[in-house]
Amino acid sequence: MLLDSASLYFRAYFGVPESMKSPDGIPVNAVRGLLDFITRLVQDHRPDQLVACMDADWRPQWRVDLIPSYKTHRLAPEGEPGEEEVPDTLSPQVPVIEQVLDALGIARIGVPGYEADDVIGTLATRAAGPVRIVTGDRDLFQLVDDARGVQVIYPVKGVGNAEVVDEAALREKYGVTGTEYADMAALRGDPSDGLPGVKGIGEKTATQLIREYGDLAGIRAAAADPLSKLTPARRKNILEGAAYLDVAPTVVRVATDVPLPAFDPALPAEPLDPISLEELTARWGLGTSVTRLLDTLAAGSV
């Protein structure tokens, strides 16, 4: 099981009341919400391995070099250049999340120059057995692969109400397979990631073009062929979007060759550092969230 950690703790932050605070009044709603998410995921799916994948770089320069608008709207208006805009009461909770995961012994991986998506893509590609990716980010649908047993758990309302996305679900909702999803996303664009897409091509049109021409390369070849069945307007828009389409696939597709550090993905039956965990639990008032997770981890080892 691979966790898109930032996606999940953002959801926890907005889904759990900020009135959930530490003994000295500091909000810990994201911390406790994420721990509760992990407890529910382990209870429901019983993975024997779990990795919390982190955004060591939420906006890698190599993606920005290709598409300068990439995630520009998420830049913090003040503070360090390149810093992501994050709610004031969430930022201080992220180091606490990292410390608690480390004390628990849950593997946590972030690699400089890469997003969590890229770490997930690399781990999912290397995995020998079935993989479940937990994320609220549709970009990771591109990794869905029935043949390799890769599915996405997509929270609808918390992780207790989640869709399990396989190839049948993708075909039903989007009309594409996992491998075709990245091409569709490149054509369609994504305002939330600063990807302009091709003018006049939305999700349905992108899917239709993929069905007719196979993939992005086939669509571009059809646009360049005056005898193809493309309408003049669509042909014009695809040809005018050539510079964007030259680089968009590299930006949209998750990396699958990230250099990963050594790590142990085994789900712990007991905390790696019980003293630190006890101190963190007391300092931040994480009592029942930590207790429930520890009980769940211990039960899974029986």
C-alpha atoms as a PDB file:
ATOM      1  CA  MET A   1       0.000   0.000   0.000  1.00  0.00           C
ATOM      2  CA  LEU A   2       1.423   3.360  -1.111  1.00  0.00           C
ATOM      3  CA  LEU A   3       0.139   6.547   0.521  1.00  0.00           C
ATOM      4  CA  ASP A   4       0.102   9.880  -1.298  1.00  0.00           C
ATOM      5  CA  SER A   5       0.769  11.462   2.078  1.00  0.00           C
ATOM      6  CA  ALA A   6       0.247  15.146   1.258  1.00  0.00           C
ATOM      7  CA  SER A   7      -3.026  14.397  -0.516  1.00  0.00           C
ATOM      8  CA  LEU A   8      -4.221  12.532   2.573  1.00  0.00           C
ATOM      9  CA  TYR A   9      -3.098  15.002   5.231  1.00  0.00           C
ATOM     10  CA  PHE A  10      -4.631  17.895   3.251  1.00  0.00           C
ATOM     11  CA  ARG A  11      -7.904  15.954   3.220  1.00  0.00           C
ATOM     12  CA  ALA A  12      -7.539  15.222   6.922  1.00  0.00           C
ATOM     13  CA  TYR A  13      -6.867  18.896   7.631  1.00  0.00           C
ATOM     14  CA  PHE A  14     -10.037  20.024   5.865  1.00  0.00           C
ATOM     15  CA  GLY A  15     -12.124  17.088   7.056  1.00  0.00           C
ATOM     16  CA  VAL A  16     -11.284  17.088  10.778  1.00  0.00           C
ATOM     17  CA  PRO A  17     -12.263  20.117  12.913  1.00  0.00           C
ATOM     18  CA  GLU A  18      -9.459  22.486  13.871  1.00  0.00           C
ATOM     19  CA  SER A  19     -10.840  22.356  17.398  1.00  0.00           C
ATOM     20  CA  MET A  20      -8.814  19.138  17.751  1.00  0.00           C
ATOM     21  CA  LYS A  21      -5.755  20.610  19.471  1.00  0.00           C
ATOM     22  CA  SER A  22      -2.684  19.708  21.482  1.00  0.00           C
ATOM     23  CA  PRO A  23      -2.666  20.317  25.261  1.00  0.00           C
ATOM     24  CA  ASP A  24      -1.211  23.799  24.655  1.00  0.00           C
ATOM     25  CA  GLY A  25      -3.842  24.717  22.047  1.00  0.00           C
ATOM     26  CA  ILE A  26      -2.056  24.028  18.748  1.00  0.00           C
ATOM     27  CA  PRO A  27      -4.243  22.392  16.038  1.00  0.00           C
ATOM     28  CA  VAL A  28      -3.381  18.742  15.362  1.00  0.00           C
ATOM     29  CA  ASN A  29      -6.370  17.886  13.169  1.00  0.00           C
ATOM     30  CA  ALA A  30      -4.208  16.890  10.178  1.00  0.00           C
ATOM     31  CA  VAL A  31      -1.966  14.690  12.335  1.00  0.00           C
ATOM     32  CA  ARG A  32      -4.817  12.869  14.022  1.00  0.00           C
ATOM     33  CA  GLY A  33      -6.857  12.684  10.832  1.00  0.00           C
ATOM     34  CA  LEU A  34      -3.982  11.060   8.931  1.00  0.00           C
ATOM     35  CA  LEU A  35      -3.344   8.552  11.729  1.00  0.00           C
ATOM     36  CA  ASP A  36      -7.044   7.669  11.737  1.00  0.00           C
ATOM     37  CA  PHE A  37      -6.926   7.286   7.928  1.00  0.00           C
ATOM     38  CA  ILE A  38      -4.003   4.846   8.228  1.00  0.00           C
ATOM     39  CA  THR A  39      -5.816   2.871  10.929  1.00  0.00           C
ATOM     40  CA  ARG A  40      -8.896   2.510   8.729  1.00  0.00           C
ATOM     41  CA  LEU A  41      -6.840   1.567   5.662  1.00  0.00           C
ATOM     42  CA  VAL A  42      -4.954  -1.133   7.550  1.00  0.00           C
ATOM     43  CA  GLN A  43      -8.191  -2.476   9.044  1.00  0.00           C
ATOM     44  CA  ASP A  44      -9.987  -2.553   5.693  1.00  0.00           C
ATOM     45  CA  HIS A  45      -7.192  -3.764   3.412  1.00  0.00           C
ATOM     46  CA  ARG A  46      -4.656  -5.534   5.655  1.00  0.00           C
ATOM     47  CA  PRO A  47      -1.514  -4.702   3.669  1.00  0.00           C
ATOM     48  CA  ASP A  48       1.689  -6.370   4.819  1.00  0.00           C
ATOM     49  CA  GLN A  49       3.736  -3.467   3.462  1.00  0.00           C
ATOM     50  CA  LEU A  50       2.975   0.248   3.612  1.00  0.00           C
ATOM     51  CA  VAL A  51       4.967   3.279   2.471  1.00  0.00           C
ATOM     52  CA  ALA A  52       4.135   6.925   3.161  1.00  0.00           C
ATOM     53  CA  CYS A  53       5.329   8.731   0.020  1.00  0.00           C
ATOM     54  CA  MET A  54       6.262  12.384   0.532  1.00  0.00           C
ATOM     55  CA  ASP A  55       6.670  15.491  -1.634  1.00  0.00           C
ATOM     56  CA  ALA A  56      10.360  16.251  -1.166  1.00  0.00           C
ATOM     57  CA  ASP A  57       9.810  18.701  -4.032  1.00  0.00           C
ATOM     58  CA  TRP A  58       6.180  19.599  -4.731  1.00  0.00           C
ATOM     59  CA  ARG A  59       7.088  21.544  -7.926  1.00  0.00           C
ATOM     60  CA  PRO A  60      10.245  20.035  -9.452  1.00  0.00           C
ATOM     61  CA  GLN A  61      12.336  22.405 -11.522  1.00  0.00           C
ATOM     62  CA  TRP A  62      12.573  19.926 -14.404  1.00  0.00           C
ATOM     63  CA  ARG A  63       8.791  20.063 -14.799  1.00  0.00           C
ATOM     64  CA  VAL A  64       8.741  23.879 -14.482  1.00  0.00           C
ATOM     65  CA  ASP A  65      11.483  24.150 -17.139  1.00  0.00           C
ATOM     66  CA  LEU A  66       9.195  22.319 -19.568  1.00  0.00           C
ATOM     67  CA  ILE A  67       5.932  24.079 -18.625  1.00  0.00           C
ATOM     68  CA  PRO A  68       6.604  27.302 -16.647  1.00  0.00           C
ATOM     69  CA  SER A  69       2.951  27.579 -15.582  1.00  0.00           C
ATOM     70  CA  TYR A  70       3.175  24.247 -13.738  1.00  0.00           C
ATOM     71  CA  LYS A  71       1.501  24.741 -10.331  1.00  0.00           C
ATOM     72  CA  THR A  72       2.204  28.506 -10.371  1.00  0.00           C
ATOM     73  CA  HIS A  73      -1.177  29.281  -8.796  1.00  0.00           C
ATOM     74  CA  ARG A  74      -0.152  27.285  -5.714  1.00  0.00           C
ATOM     75  CA  LEU A  75       2.929  29.395  -5.036  1.00  0.00           C
ATOM     76  CA  ALA A  76       2.822  31.232  -1.722  1.00  0.00           C
ATOM     77  CA  PRO A  77       2.571  34.991  -2.320  1.00  0.00           C
ATOM     78  CA  GLU A  78       5.020  35.581   0.505  1.00  0.00           C
ATOM     79  CA  GLY A  79       7.866  33.617   2.046  1.00  0.00           C
ATOM     80  CA  GLU A  80      10.607  31.629   0.370  1.00  0.00           C
ATOM     81  CA  PRO A  81      10.638  31.580  -3.446  1.00  0.00           C
ATOM     82  CA  GLY A  82       9.082  28.376  -4.748  1.00  0.00           C
ATOM     83  CA  GLU A  83       7.279  27.664  -1.495  1.00  0.00           C
ATOM     84  CA  GLU A  84       3.806  26.121  -1.707  1.00  0.00           C
ATOM     85  CA  GLU A  85       0.877  28.017  -0.249  1.00  0.00           C
ATOM     86  CA  VAL A  86      -0.289  25.941   2.704  1.00  0.00           C
ATOM     87  CA  PRO A  87      -2.785  26.948   5.426  1.00  0.00           C
ATOM     88  CA  ASP A  88      -0.997  28.566   8.369  1.00  0.00           C
ATOM     89  CA  THR A  89      -2.189  25.938  10.823  1.00  0.00           C
ATOM     90  CA  LEU A  90      -1.299  22.990   8.562  1.00  0.00           C
ATOM     91  CA  SER A  91       2.385  23.755   7.919  1.00  0.00           C
ATOM     92  CA  PRO A  92       3.472  23.191  11.556  1.00  0.00           C
ATOM     93  CA  GLN A  93       1.693  19.822  11.583  1.00  0.00           C
ATOM     94  CA  VAL A  94       3.715  18.298   8.742  1.00  0.00           C
ATOM     95  CA  PRO A  95       6.936  17.820  10.788  1.00  0.00           C
ATOM     96  CA  VAL A  96       4.849  16.257  13.560  1.00  0.00           C
ATOM     97  CA  ILE A  97       3.343  13.803  11.037  1.00  0.00           C
ATOM     98  CA  GLU A  98       6.844  12.882   9.869  1.00  0.00           C
ATOM     99  CA  GLN A  99       8.132  12.402  13.427  1.00  0.00           C
ATOM    100  CA  VAL A 100       5.179  10.214  14.408  1.00  0.00           C
ATOM    101  CA  LEU A 101       5.485   8.030  11.296  1.00  0.00           C
ATOM    102  CA  ASP A 102       9.208   7.583  11.977  1.00  0.00           C
ATOM    103  CA  ALA A 103       8.596   6.670  15.632  1.00  0.00           C
ATOM    104  CA  LEU A 104       5.949   4.165  14.553  1.00  0.00           C
ATOM    105  CA  GLY A 105       8.359   2.620  12.066  1.00  0.00           C
ATOM    106  CA  ILE A 106       6.166   3.261   9.037  1.00  0.00           C
ATOM    107  CA  ALA A 107       8.408   3.700   5.988  1.00  0.00           C
ATOM    108  CA  ARG A 108       8.478   7.302   4.752  1.00  0.00           C
ATOM    109  CA  ILE A 109      10.123   8.191   1.446  1.00  0.00           C
ATOM    110  CA  GLY A 110      10.693  11.528  -0.232  1.00  0.00           C
ATOM    111  CA  VAL A 111      13.382  12.106  -2.864  1.00  0.00           C
ATOM    112  CA  PRO A 112      14.850  15.563  -3.686  1.00  0.00           C
ATOM    113  CA  GLY A 113      13.744  16.755  -7.118  1.00  0.00           C
ATOM    114  CA  TYR A 114      10.659  14.551  -7.210  1.00  0.00           C
ATOM    115  CA  GLU A 115       7.039  14.617  -6.117  1.00  0.00           C
ATOM    116  CA  ALA A 116       5.346  11.903  -4.083  1.00  0.00           C
ATOM    117  CA  ASP A 117       3.620  10.828  -7.329  1.00  0.00           C
ATOM    118  CA  ASP A 118       7.015   9.953  -8.784  1.00  0.00           C
ATOM    119  CA  VAL A 119       8.017   7.924  -5.728  1.00  0.00           C
ATOM    120  CA  ILE A 120       4.673   6.099  -5.981  1.00  0.00           C
ATOM    121  CA  GLY A 121       5.170   5.485  -9.707  1.00  0.00           C
ATOM    122  CA  THR A 122       8.623   4.017  -9.106  1.00  0.00           C
ATOM    123  CA  LEU A 123       7.510   1.780  -6.243  1.00  0.00           C
ATOM    124  CA  ALA A 124       4.409   0.605  -8.125  1.00  0.00           C
ATOM    125  CA  THR A 125       6.538  -0.241 -11.179  1.00  0.00           C
ATOM    126  CA  ARG A 126       9.076  -2.180  -9.121  1.00  0.00           C
ATOM    127  CA  ALA A 127       6.538  -4.078  -7.009  1.00  0.00           C
ATOM    128  CA  ALA A 128       6.389  -7.812  -7.476  1.00  0.00           C
ATOM    129  CA  GLY A 129       2.841  -8.188  -6.122  1.00  0.00           C
ATOM    130  CA  PRO A 130      -0.463  -6.322  -6.046  1.00  0.00           C
ATOM    131  CA  VAL A 131      -0.321  -2.612  -5.167  1.00  0.00           C
ATOM    132  CA  ARG A 132      -2.968  -0.287  -3.803  1.00  0.00           C
ATOM    133  CA  ILE A 133      -2.269   3.437  -4.117  1.00  0.00           C
ATOM    134  CA  VAL A 134      -4.206   5.688  -1.746  1.00  0.00           C
ATOM    135  CA  THR A 135      -4.649   9.185  -3.152  1.00  0.00           C
ATOM    136  CA  GLY A 136      -7.145  11.963  -3.775  1.00  0.00           C
ATOM    137  CA  ASP A 137      -5.195  12.919  -6.922  1.00  0.00           C
ATOM    138  CA  ARG A 138      -6.625  11.636 -10.201  1.00  0.00           C
ATOM    139  CA  ASP A 139      -3.206  11.959 -11.884  1.00  0.00           C
ATOM    140  CA  LEU A 140      -2.268   8.608 -10.368  1.00  0.00           C
ATOM    141  CA  PHE A 141      -5.037   6.836 -12.281  1.00  0.00           C
ATOM    142  CA  GLN A 142      -2.399   6.495 -15.021  1.00  0.00           C
ATOM    143  CA  LEU A 143      -0.755   3.762 -12.913  1.00  0.00           C
ATOM    144  CA  VAL A 144      -3.852   1.545 -12.783  1.00  0.00           C
ATOM    145  CA  ASP A 145      -2.957  -1.795 -14.357  1.00  0.00           C
ATOM    146  CA  ASP A 146      -5.089  -4.916 -13.890  1.00  0.00           C
ATOM    147  CA  ALA A 147      -2.370  -7.204 -15.262  1.00  0.00           C
ATOM    148  CA  ARG A 148       0.030  -6.096 -12.531  1.00  0.00           C
ATOM    149  CA  GLY A 149      -2.632  -5.738  -9.836  1.00  0.00           C
ATOM    150  CA  VAL A 150      -2.216  -1.962  -9.437  1.00  0.00           C
ATOM    151  CA  GLN A 151      -5.359  -0.207  -8.186  1.00  0.00           C
ATOM    152  CA  VAL A 152      -6.095   3.222  -6.743  1.00  0.00           C
ATOM    153  CA  ILE A 153      -8.098   3.760  -3.564  1.00  0.00           C
ATOM    154  CA  TYR A 154      -9.699   7.153  -4.161  1.00  0.00           C
ATOM    155  CA  PRO A 155     -11.306   8.682  -1.052  1.00  0.00           C
ATOM    156  CA  VAL A 156     -14.730  10.183  -1.635  1.00  0.00           C
ATOM    157  CA  LYS A 157     -15.522  11.149   1.958  1.00  0.00           C
ATOM    158  CA  GLY A 158     -12.635  10.046   4.093  1.00  0.00           C
ATOM    159  CA  VAL A 159     -10.972   6.699   3.469  1.00  0.00           C
ATOM    160  CA  GLY A 160     -13.958   4.852   4.916  1.00  0.00           C
ATOM    161  CA  ASN A 161     -15.940   5.869   1.835  1.00  0.00           C
ATOM    162  CA  ALA A 162     -13.537   5.282  -1.030  1.00  0.00           C
ATOM    163  CA  GLU A 163     -13.717   4.069  -4.613  1.00  0.00           C
ATOM    164  CA  VAL A 164     -11.398   1.255  -5.617  1.00  0.00           C
ATOM    165  CA  VAL A 165     -10.355   2.221  -9.140  1.00  0.00           C
ATOM    166  CA  ASP A 166      -9.358  -0.546 -11.543  1.00  0.00           C
ATOM    167  CA  GLU A 167      -9.356  -0.596 -15.348  1.00  0.00           C
ATOM    168  CA  ALA A 168     -13.086  -1.338 -15.534  1.00  0.00           C
ATOM    169  CA  ALA A 169     -13.824   1.719 -13.374  1.00  0.00           C
ATOM    170  CA  LEU A 170     -11.567   3.885 -15.554  1.00  0.00           C
ATOM    171  CA  ARG A 171     -13.236   2.709 -18.750  1.00  0.00           C
ATOM    172  CA  GLU A 172     -16.672   3.300 -17.269  1.00  0.00           C
ATOM    173  CA  LYS A 173     -15.918   6.802 -16.006  1.00  0.00           C
ATOM    174  CA  TYR A 174     -13.377   8.118 -18.525  1.00  0.00           C
ATOM    175  CA  GLY A 175     -13.422   5.687 -21.440  1.00  0.00           C
ATOM    176  CA  VAL A 176      -9.669   5.034 -21.185  1.00  0.00           C
ATOM    177  CA  THR A 177      -7.242   2.557 -19.653  1.00  0.00           C
ATOM    178  CA  GLY A 178      -4.578   3.467 -17.111  1.00  0.00           C
ATOM    179  CA  THR A 179      -1.880   3.743 -19.767  1.00  0.00           C
ATOM    180  CA  GLU A 180      -4.138   6.036 -21.851  1.00  0.00           C
ATOM    181  CA  TYR A 181      -5.066   8.262 -18.917  1.00  0.00           C
ATOM    182  CA  ALA A 182      -1.857  10.354 -19.096  1.00  0.00           C
ATOM    183  CA  ASP A 183      -2.446  11.108 -22.802  1.00  0.00           C
ATOM    184  CA  MET A 184      -6.008  12.154 -22.032  1.00  0.00           C
ATOM    185  CA  ALA A 185      -4.801  14.348 -19.173  1.00  0.00           C
ATOM    186  CA  ALA A 186      -2.180  16.019 -21.373  1.00  0.00           C
ATOM    187  CA  LEU A 187      -4.721  16.813 -24.090  1.00  0.00           C
ATOM    188  CA  ARG A 188      -7.398  17.969 -21.634  1.00  0.00           C
ATOM    189  CA  GLY A 189      -5.022  19.947 -19.448  1.00  0.00           C
ATOM    190  CA  ASP A 190      -5.573  20.587 -15.764  1.00  0.00           C
ATOM    191  CA  PRO A 191      -6.061  24.123 -14.386  1.00  0.00           C
ATOM    192  CA  SER A 192      -5.328  22.847 -10.860  1.00  0.00           C
ATOM    193  CA  ASP A 193      -1.801  21.936 -12.018  1.00  0.00           C
ATOM    194  CA  GLY A 194      -1.324  24.879 -14.382  1.00  0.00           C
ATOM    195  CA  LEU A 195      -1.492  22.686 -17.496  1.00  0.00           C
ATOM    196  CA  PRO A 196      -3.226  24.564 -20.327  1.00  0.00           C
ATOM    197  CA  GLY A 197      -4.142  21.562 -22.477  1.00  0.00           C
ATOM    198  CA  VAL A 198      -5.052  21.886 -26.148  1.00  0.00           C
ATOM    199  CA  LYS A 199      -7.588  24.567 -27.024  1.00  0.00           C
ATOM    200  CA  GLY A 200     -11.077  23.178 -27.568  1.00  0.00           C
ATOM    201  CA  ILE A 201     -10.270  19.704 -26.239  1.00  0.00           C
ATOM    202  CA  GLY A 202     -11.935  18.656 -23.006  1.00  0.00           C
ATOM    203  CA  GLU A 203     -12.164  15.266 -21.371  1.00  0.00           C
ATOM    204  CA  LYS A 204     -14.788  13.764 -23.697  1.00  0.00           C
ATOM    205  CA  THR A 205     -13.094  14.975 -26.862  1.00  0.00           C
ATOM    206  CA  ALA A 206      -9.698  13.740 -25.639  1.00  0.00           C
ATOM    207  CA  THR A 207     -11.183  10.303 -24.939  1.00  0.00           C
ATOM    208  CA  GLN A 208     -12.871  10.240 -28.362  1.00  0.00           C
ATOM    209  CA  LEU A 209      -9.580  11.096 -30.081  1.00  0.00           C
ATOM    210  CA  ILE A 210      -7.723   8.372 -28.176  1.00  0.00           C
ATOM    211  CA  ARG A 211     -10.400   5.851 -29.161  1.00  0.00           C
ATOM    212  CA  GLU A 212     -10.053   6.865 -32.827  1.00  0.00           C
ATOM    213  CA  TYR A 213      -6.278   7.260 -33.088  1.00  0.00           C
ATOM    214  CA  GLY A 214      -4.868   5.096 -30.290  1.00  0.00           C
ATOM    215  CA  ASP A 215      -2.635   7.499 -28.402  1.00  0.00           C
ATOM    216  CA  LEU A 216      -1.187  10.997 -28.411  1.00  0.00           C
ATOM    217  CA  ALA A 217       1.328  10.152 -31.135  1.00  0.00           C
ATOM    218  CA  GLY A 218      -1.490   8.806 -33.319  1.00  0.00           C
ATOM    219  CA  ILE A 219      -3.586  11.922 -32.733  1.00  0.00           C
ATOM    220  CA  ARG A 220      -0.698  14.207 -33.660  1.00  0.00           C
ATOM    221  CA  ALA A 221       0.013  12.145 -36.779  1.00  0.00           C
ATOM    222  CA  ALA A 222      -3.655  12.503 -37.791  1.00  0.00           C
ATOM    223  CA  ALA A 223      -3.454  16.260 -37.294  1.00  0.00           C
ATOM    224  CA  ALA A 224      -0.431  16.379 -39.588  1.00  0.00           C
ATOM    225  CA  ASP A 225      -2.197  14.260 -42.229  1.00  0.00           C
ATOM    226  CA  PRO A 226      -4.462  16.395 -44.464  1.00  0.00           C
ATOM    227  CA  LEU A 227      -6.389  13.261 -45.444  1.00  0.00           C
ATOM    228  CA  SER A 228      -7.375  12.289 -41.886  1.00  0.00           C
ATOM    229  CA  LYS A 229     -10.960  12.680 -40.654  1.00  0.00           C
ATOM    230  CA  LEU A 230     -10.147  15.413 -38.125  1.00  0.00           C
ATOM    231  CA  THR A 231     -12.238  18.554 -38.463  1.00  0.00           C
ATOM    232  CA  PRO A 232     -10.312  21.626 -39.651  1.00  0.00           C
ATOM    233  CA  ALA A 233     -10.787  23.373 -36.286  1.00  0.00           C
ATOM    234  CA  ARG A 234      -9.556  20.392 -34.277  1.00  0.00           C
ATOM    235  CA  ARG A 235      -6.615  19.853 -36.631  1.00  0.00           C
ATOM    236  CA  LYS A 236      -5.679  23.530 -36.300  1.00  0.00           C
ATOM    237  CA  ASN A 237      -5.831  23.460 -32.490  1.00  0.00           C
ATOM    238  CA  ILE A 238      -3.708  20.310 -32.232  1.00  0.00           C
ATOM    239  CA  LEU A 239      -1.092  21.668 -34.624  1.00  0.00           C
ATOM    240  CA  GLU A 240      -1.017  25.024 -32.830  1.00  0.00           C
ATOM    241  CA  GLY A 241      -0.569  23.151 -29.552  1.00  0.00           C
ATOM    242  CA  ALA A 242       2.520  21.344 -30.859  1.00  0.00           C
ATOM    243  CA  ALA A 243       4.997  23.080 -28.554  1.00  0.00           C
ATOM    244  CA  TYR A 244       2.852  22.210 -25.527  1.00  0.00           C
ATOM    245  CA  LEU A 245       2.303  18.618 -26.685  1.00  0.00           C
ATOM    246  CA  ASP A 246       6.057  18.159 -27.177  1.00  0.00           C
ATOM    247  CA  VAL A 247       6.625  18.525 -23.430  1.00  0.00           C
ATOM    248  CA  ALA A 248       3.281  17.828 -21.731  1.00  0.00           C
ATOM    249  CA  PRO A 249       3.643  14.026 -21.622  1.00  0.00           C
ATOM    250  CA  THR A 250       6.910  14.308 -19.691  1.00  0.00           C
ATOM    251  CA  VAL A 251       5.293  16.664 -17.178  1.00  0.00           C
ATOM    252  CA  VAL A 252       2.046  14.706 -16.833  1.00  0.00           C
ATOM    253  CA  ARG A 253       3.489  11.205 -16.619  1.00  0.00           C
ATOM    254  CA  VAL A 254       4.816  10.186 -13.238  1.00  0.00           C
ATOM    255  CA  ALA A 255       8.467   9.207 -13.148  1.00  0.00           C
ATOM    256  CA  THR A 256       9.129   5.502 -12.685  1.00  0.00           C
ATOM    257  CA  ASP A 257      12.898   5.624 -12.284  1.00  0.00           C
ATOM    258  CA  VAL A 258      13.383   7.676  -9.121  1.00  0.00           C
ATOM    259  CA  PRO A 259      16.577   6.771  -7.205  1.00  0.00           C
ATOM    260  CA  LEU A 260      15.117   5.508  -3.937  1.00  0.00           C
ATOM    261  CA  PRO A 261      16.950   5.248  -0.619  1.00  0.00           C
ATOM    262  CA  ALA A 262      17.123   1.975   1.279  1.00  0.00           C
ATOM    263  CA  PHE A 263      13.954   1.393   3.302  1.00  0.00           C
ATOM    264  CA  ASP A 264      11.923  -1.319   4.996  1.00  0.00           C
ATOM    265  CA  PRO A 265       8.321  -1.329   3.748  1.00  0.00           C
ATOM    266  CA  ALA A 266       7.113  -3.964   6.221  1.00  0.00           C
ATOM    267  CA  LEU A 267       4.156  -2.766   8.276  1.00  0.00           C
ATOM    268  CA  PRO A 268       5.371  -2.741  11.898  1.00  0.00           C
ATOM    269  CA  ALA A 269       3.605  -4.797  14.555  1.00  0.00           C
ATOM    270  CA  GLU A 270       4.935  -2.487  17.264  1.00  0.00           C
ATOM    271  CA  PRO A 271       6.532   0.972  17.289  1.00  0.00           C
ATOM    272  CA  LEU A 272      10.136   1.309  16.183  1.00  0.00           C
ATOM    273  CA  ASP A 273      10.846   3.947  18.846  1.00  0.00           C
ATOM    274  CA  PRO A 274       8.272   3.572  21.639  1.00  0.00           C
ATOM    275  CA  ILE A 275       9.866   6.220  23.864  1.00  0.00           C
ATOM    276  CA  SER A 276       9.770   8.895  21.138  1.00  0.00           C
ATOM    277  CA  LEU A 277       6.242   7.870  20.211  1.00  0.00           C
ATOM    278  CA  GLU A 278       5.114   8.175  23.824  1.00  0.00           C
ATOM    279  CA  GLU A 279       6.689  11.647  24.068  1.00  0.00           C
ATOM    280  CA  LEU A 280       5.111  12.796  20.794  1.00  0.00           C
ATOM    281  CA  THR A 281       1.720  11.415  21.811  1.00  0.00           C
ATOM    282  CA  ALA A 282       1.817  13.308  25.117  1.00  0.00           C
ATOM    283  CA  ARG A 283       3.262  16.510  23.610  1.00  0.00           C
ATOM    284  CA  TRP A 284       0.642  16.752  20.872  1.00  0.00           C
ATOM    285  CA  GLY A 285      -2.329  15.089  22.557  1.00  0.00           C
ATOM    286  CA  LEU A 286      -2.589  12.277  20.009  1.00  0.00           C
ATOM    287  CA  GLY A 287      -3.799   9.689  22.539  1.00  0.00           C
ATOM    288  CA  THR A 288      -6.710   7.783  21.000  1.00  0.00           C
ATOM    289  CA  SER A 289      -5.472   8.156  17.401  1.00  0.00           C
ATOM    290  CA  VAL A 290      -2.108   6.592  18.257  1.00  0.00           C
ATOM    291  CA  THR A 291      -3.671   3.925  20.500  1.00  0.00           C
ATOM    292  CA  ARG A 292      -6.127   2.822  17.802  1.00  0.00           C
ATOM    293  CA  LEU A 293      -3.360   2.590  15.216  1.00  0.00           C
ATOM    294  CA  LEU A 294      -1.073   0.619  17.551  1.00  0.00           C
ATOM    295  CA  ASP A 295      -3.893  -1.790  18.372  1.00  0.00           C
ATOM    296  CA  THR A 296      -4.609  -2.246  14.662  1.00  0.00           C
ATOM    297  CA  LEU A 297      -0.942  -2.857  13.830  1.00  0.00           C
ATOM    298  CA  ALA A 298      -0.627  -5.379  16.662  1.00  0.00           C
ATOM    299  CA  ALA A 299      -3.799  -7.192  15.572  1.00  0.00           C
ATOM    300  CA  GLY A 300      -2.478  -7.494  12.040  1.00  0.00           C
ATOM    301  CA  SER A 301       0.597  -9.400  13.235  1.00  0.00           C
ATOM    302  CA  VAL A 302      -1.412 -12.093  15.035  1.00  0.00           C
END
